[in-house]
Amino acid sequence: MAGPVIHRDLKAIALRTTEQPAYDRPFELELLHQDERTGAEHYVVRYRRGTRARAHHHTAAHTIVVLDGHLLVDGQVLGPGGYAHHPGGTRMLHEPAPDEECTFVLIFDAPFDLGLEDP
């Protein structure tokens, strides 16, 4: 069994660039934790200013906690300390608020996957 995972400052973690088909441009993230038993994955993510998303879903439940900036989640603006949870299979759309970057914690209850919703 692995020990605890502790990060003193999530906003100071070096992030890597990735691309996903639900987004119109690359964004940054870093894996914080992956549970060997369940496959759950925890990330810190930063969306760049101007990033736009397509509606999508994940098989696993999906939780967001905003650290910095503002995130639009299903039409609602979440600021620092904001929280959103989507059960597995739920349609969702999240992207940074206009003219802002946004940093948040992203938690999947099982391994990451992504399915695009029809436009």
C-alpha atoms as a PDB file:
ATOM      1  CA  MET A   1       0.000   0.000   0.000  1.00  0.00           C
ATOM      2  CA  ALA A   2       1.301   3.431  -0.959  1.00  0.00           C
ATOM      3  CA  GLY A   3       1.773   6.184   1.590  1.00  0.00           C
ATOM      4  CA  PRO A   4       0.086   9.564   1.693  1.00  0.00           C
ATOM      5  CA  VAL A   5       0.393  12.051  -1.159  1.00  0.00           C
ATOM      6  CA  ILE A   6       1.076  15.563   0.101  1.00  0.00           C
ATOM      7  CA  HIS A   7       1.612  18.732  -1.935  1.00  0.00           C
ATOM      8  CA  ARG A   8       2.282  21.994  -0.097  1.00  0.00           C
ATOM      9  CA  ASP A   9       1.252  24.314  -2.961  1.00  0.00           C
ATOM     10  CA  LEU A  10      -0.758  22.957  -5.895  1.00  0.00           C
ATOM     11  CA  LYS A  11      -0.351  26.220  -7.823  1.00  0.00           C
ATOM     12  CA  ALA A  12       3.464  25.806  -7.733  1.00  0.00           C
ATOM     13  CA  ILE A  13       3.554  22.334  -9.362  1.00  0.00           C
ATOM     14  CA  ALA A  14       5.272  22.180 -12.762  1.00  0.00           C
ATOM     15  CA  LEU A  15       2.656  21.284 -15.374  1.00  0.00           C
ATOM     16  CA  ARG A  16       3.021  19.506 -18.713  1.00  0.00           C
ATOM     17  CA  THR A  17       1.153  20.385 -21.892  1.00  0.00           C
ATOM     18  CA  THR A  18      -1.504  18.041 -23.238  1.00  0.00           C
ATOM     19  CA  GLU A  19      -4.218  18.066 -25.876  1.00  0.00           C
ATOM     20  CA  GLN A  20      -7.685  16.526 -25.689  1.00  0.00           C
ATOM     21  CA  PRO A  21     -10.320  16.450 -28.438  1.00  0.00           C
ATOM     22  CA  ALA A  22     -12.872  18.347 -26.301  1.00  0.00           C
ATOM     23  CA  TYR A  23     -10.677  21.497 -26.308  1.00  0.00           C
ATOM     24  CA  ASP A  24      -9.668  23.894 -29.081  1.00  0.00           C
ATOM     25  CA  ARG A  25      -6.089  24.269 -27.851  1.00  0.00           C
ATOM     26  CA  PRO A  26      -3.551  22.603 -25.554  1.00  0.00           C
ATOM     27  CA  PHE A  27      -3.762  23.051 -21.797  1.00  0.00           C
ATOM     28  CA  GLU A  28      -1.532  22.127 -18.863  1.00  0.00           C
ATOM     29  CA  LEU A  29      -1.890  19.451 -16.202  1.00  0.00           C
ATOM     30  CA  GLU A  30       0.029  17.175 -13.868  1.00  0.00           C
ATOM     31  CA  LEU A  31      -0.979  13.917 -12.232  1.00  0.00           C
ATOM     32  CA  LEU A  32      -1.131  14.272  -8.446  1.00  0.00           C
ATOM     33  CA  HIS A  33      -2.231  10.747  -7.559  1.00  0.00           C
ATOM     34  CA  GLN A  34      -3.348   7.509  -9.194  1.00  0.00           C
ATOM     35  CA  ASP A  35      -4.946   4.805  -7.073  1.00  0.00           C
ATOM     36  CA  GLU A  36      -3.493   1.397  -8.009  1.00  0.00           C
ATOM     37  CA  ARG A  37      -6.620  -0.424  -6.845  1.00  0.00           C
ATOM     38  CA  THR A  38      -9.449   1.698  -8.329  1.00  0.00           C
ATOM     39  CA  GLY A  39      -7.615   3.566 -11.075  1.00  0.00           C
ATOM     40  CA  ALA A  40      -8.856   6.895  -9.657  1.00  0.00           C
ATOM     41  CA  GLU A  41      -6.830   9.814 -11.005  1.00  0.00           C
ATOM     42  CA  HIS A  42      -6.268  13.255  -9.439  1.00  0.00           C
ATOM     43  CA  TYR A  43      -4.814  16.137 -11.443  1.00  0.00           C
ATOM     44  CA  VAL A  44      -4.028  19.807 -11.164  1.00  0.00           C
ATOM     45  CA  VAL A  45      -5.078  21.502 -14.427  1.00  0.00           C
ATOM     46  CA  ARG A  46      -4.595  24.966 -15.931  1.00  0.00           C
ATOM     47  CA  TYR A  47      -6.704  26.166 -18.851  1.00  0.00           C
ATOM     48  CA  ARG A  48      -5.158  28.944 -20.892  1.00  0.00           C
ATOM     49  CA  ARG A  49      -6.972  32.206 -21.512  1.00  0.00           C
ATOM     50  CA  GLY A  50      -9.371  31.820 -24.451  1.00  0.00           C
ATOM     51  CA  THR A  51      -9.657  28.009 -24.293  1.00  0.00           C
ATOM     52  CA  ARG A  52     -13.022  26.791 -25.563  1.00  0.00           C
ATOM     53  CA  ALA A  53     -14.536  23.375 -24.956  1.00  0.00           C
ATOM     54  CA  ARG A  54     -17.047  20.985 -26.511  1.00  0.00           C
ATOM     55  CA  ALA A  55     -19.649  19.196 -24.416  1.00  0.00           C
ATOM     56  CA  HIS A  56     -18.361  15.811 -23.309  1.00  0.00           C
ATOM     57  CA  HIS A  57     -18.727  13.066 -20.717  1.00  0.00           C
ATOM     58  CA  HIS A  58     -16.578  10.648 -18.730  1.00  0.00           C
ATOM     59  CA  THR A  59     -17.434   7.112 -17.629  1.00  0.00           C
ATOM     60  CA  ALA A  60     -16.196   7.848 -14.108  1.00  0.00           C
ATOM     61  CA  ALA A  61     -17.580  10.480 -11.756  1.00  0.00           C
ATOM     62  CA  HIS A  62     -15.709  13.767 -12.154  1.00  0.00           C
ATOM     63  CA  THR A  63     -15.070  16.421  -9.465  1.00  0.00           C
ATOM     64  CA  ILE A  64     -13.588  19.918  -9.819  1.00  0.00           C
ATOM     65  CA  VAL A  65     -12.291  22.304  -7.126  1.00  0.00           C
ATOM     66  CA  VAL A  66     -11.219  25.728  -8.448  1.00  0.00           C
ATOM     67  CA  LEU A  67      -7.924  27.074  -7.094  1.00  0.00           C
ATOM     68  CA  ASP A  68      -7.384  30.246  -9.130  1.00  0.00           C
ATOM     69  CA  GLY A  69      -9.272  32.223 -11.777  1.00  0.00           C
ATOM     70  CA  HIS A  70     -12.851  31.494 -12.820  1.00  0.00           C
ATOM     71  CA  LEU A  71     -14.258  28.410 -14.524  1.00  0.00           C
ATOM     72  CA  LEU A  72     -17.528  28.172 -16.431  1.00  0.00           C
ATOM     73  CA  VAL A  73     -19.192  24.864 -15.554  1.00  0.00           C
ATOM     74  CA  ASP A  74     -22.434  24.097 -17.363  1.00  0.00           C
ATOM     75  CA  GLY A  75     -23.114  27.829 -17.660  1.00  0.00           C
ATOM     76  CA  GLN A  76     -22.293  28.716 -14.044  1.00  0.00           C
ATOM     77  CA  VAL A  77     -19.203  30.689 -13.007  1.00  0.00           C
ATOM     78  CA  LEU A  78     -17.084  29.138 -10.246  1.00  0.00           C
ATOM     79  CA  GLY A  79     -14.299  31.126  -8.592  1.00  0.00           C
ATOM     80  CA  PRO A  80     -11.582  30.090  -6.144  1.00  0.00           C
ATOM     81  CA  GLY A  81     -13.037  27.574  -3.718  1.00  0.00           C
ATOM     82  CA  GLY A  82     -15.817  26.634  -6.167  1.00  0.00           C
ATOM     83  CA  TYR A  83     -16.813  22.975  -6.433  1.00  0.00           C
ATOM     84  CA  ALA A  84     -18.590  20.911  -9.092  1.00  0.00           C
ATOM     85  CA  HIS A  85     -19.347  17.182  -9.269  1.00  0.00           C
ATOM     86  CA  HIS A  86     -20.728  15.214 -12.210  1.00  0.00           C
ATOM     87  CA  PRO A  87     -21.779  11.569 -11.848  1.00  0.00           C
ATOM     88  CA  GLY A  88     -20.280   9.213 -14.416  1.00  0.00           C
ATOM     89  CA  GLY A  89     -21.838   9.507 -17.866  1.00  0.00           C
ATOM     90  CA  THR A  90     -23.162  13.044 -17.241  1.00  0.00           C
ATOM     91  CA  ARG A  91     -22.941  15.578 -20.077  1.00  0.00           C
ATOM     92  CA  MET A  92     -20.706  18.504 -19.062  1.00  0.00           C
ATOM     93  CA  LEU A  93     -19.019  21.569 -20.450  1.00  0.00           C
ATOM     94  CA  HIS A  94     -16.301  23.409 -18.582  1.00  0.00           C
ATOM     95  CA  GLU A  95     -13.868  26.055 -19.796  1.00  0.00           C
ATOM     96  CA  PRO A  96     -12.201  29.164 -18.383  1.00  0.00           C
ATOM     97  CA  ALA A  97     -14.314  32.290 -17.976  1.00  0.00           C
ATOM     98  CA  PRO A  98     -13.745  34.789 -20.822  1.00  0.00           C
ATOM     99  CA  ASP A  99     -10.334  36.483 -20.744  1.00  0.00           C
ATOM    100  CA  GLU A 100      -9.103  34.401 -17.781  1.00  0.00           C
ATOM    101  CA  GLU A 101      -6.855  31.459 -17.069  1.00  0.00           C
ATOM    102  CA  CYS A 102      -8.133  28.969 -14.536  1.00  0.00           C
ATOM    103  CA  THR A 103      -6.327  26.463 -12.303  1.00  0.00           C
ATOM    104  CA  PHE A 104      -8.257  23.663 -10.618  1.00  0.00           C
ATOM    105  CA  VAL A 105      -8.044  20.201  -9.099  1.00  0.00           C
ATOM    106  CA  LEU A 106      -9.689  17.507 -11.212  1.00  0.00           C
ATOM    107  CA  ILE A 107     -10.614  14.179  -9.612  1.00  0.00           C
ATOM    108  CA  PHE A 108     -11.815  11.098 -11.472  1.00  0.00           C
ATOM    109  CA  ASP A 109     -13.205   8.207  -9.404  1.00  0.00           C
ATOM    110  CA  ALA A 110     -11.816   5.695 -11.955  1.00  0.00           C
ATOM    111  CA  PRO A 111      -9.424   5.864 -14.940  1.00  0.00           C
ATOM    112  CA  PHE A 112      -9.807   8.861 -17.264  1.00  0.00           C
ATOM    113  CA  ASP A 113     -11.707   8.517 -20.504  1.00  0.00           C
ATOM    114  CA  LEU A 114     -13.486  11.070 -22.658  1.00  0.00           C
ATOM    115  CA  GLY A 115     -16.481  10.855 -24.952  1.00  0.00           C
ATOM    116  CA  LEU A 116     -17.584  13.805 -27.068  1.00  0.00           C
ATOM    117  CA  GLU A 117     -21.254  14.771 -27.135  1.00  0.00           C
ATOM    118  CA  ASP A 118     -22.881  15.593 -30.465  1.00  0.00           C
ATOM    119  CA  PRO A 119     -22.340  19.231 -31.446  1.00  0.00           C
END
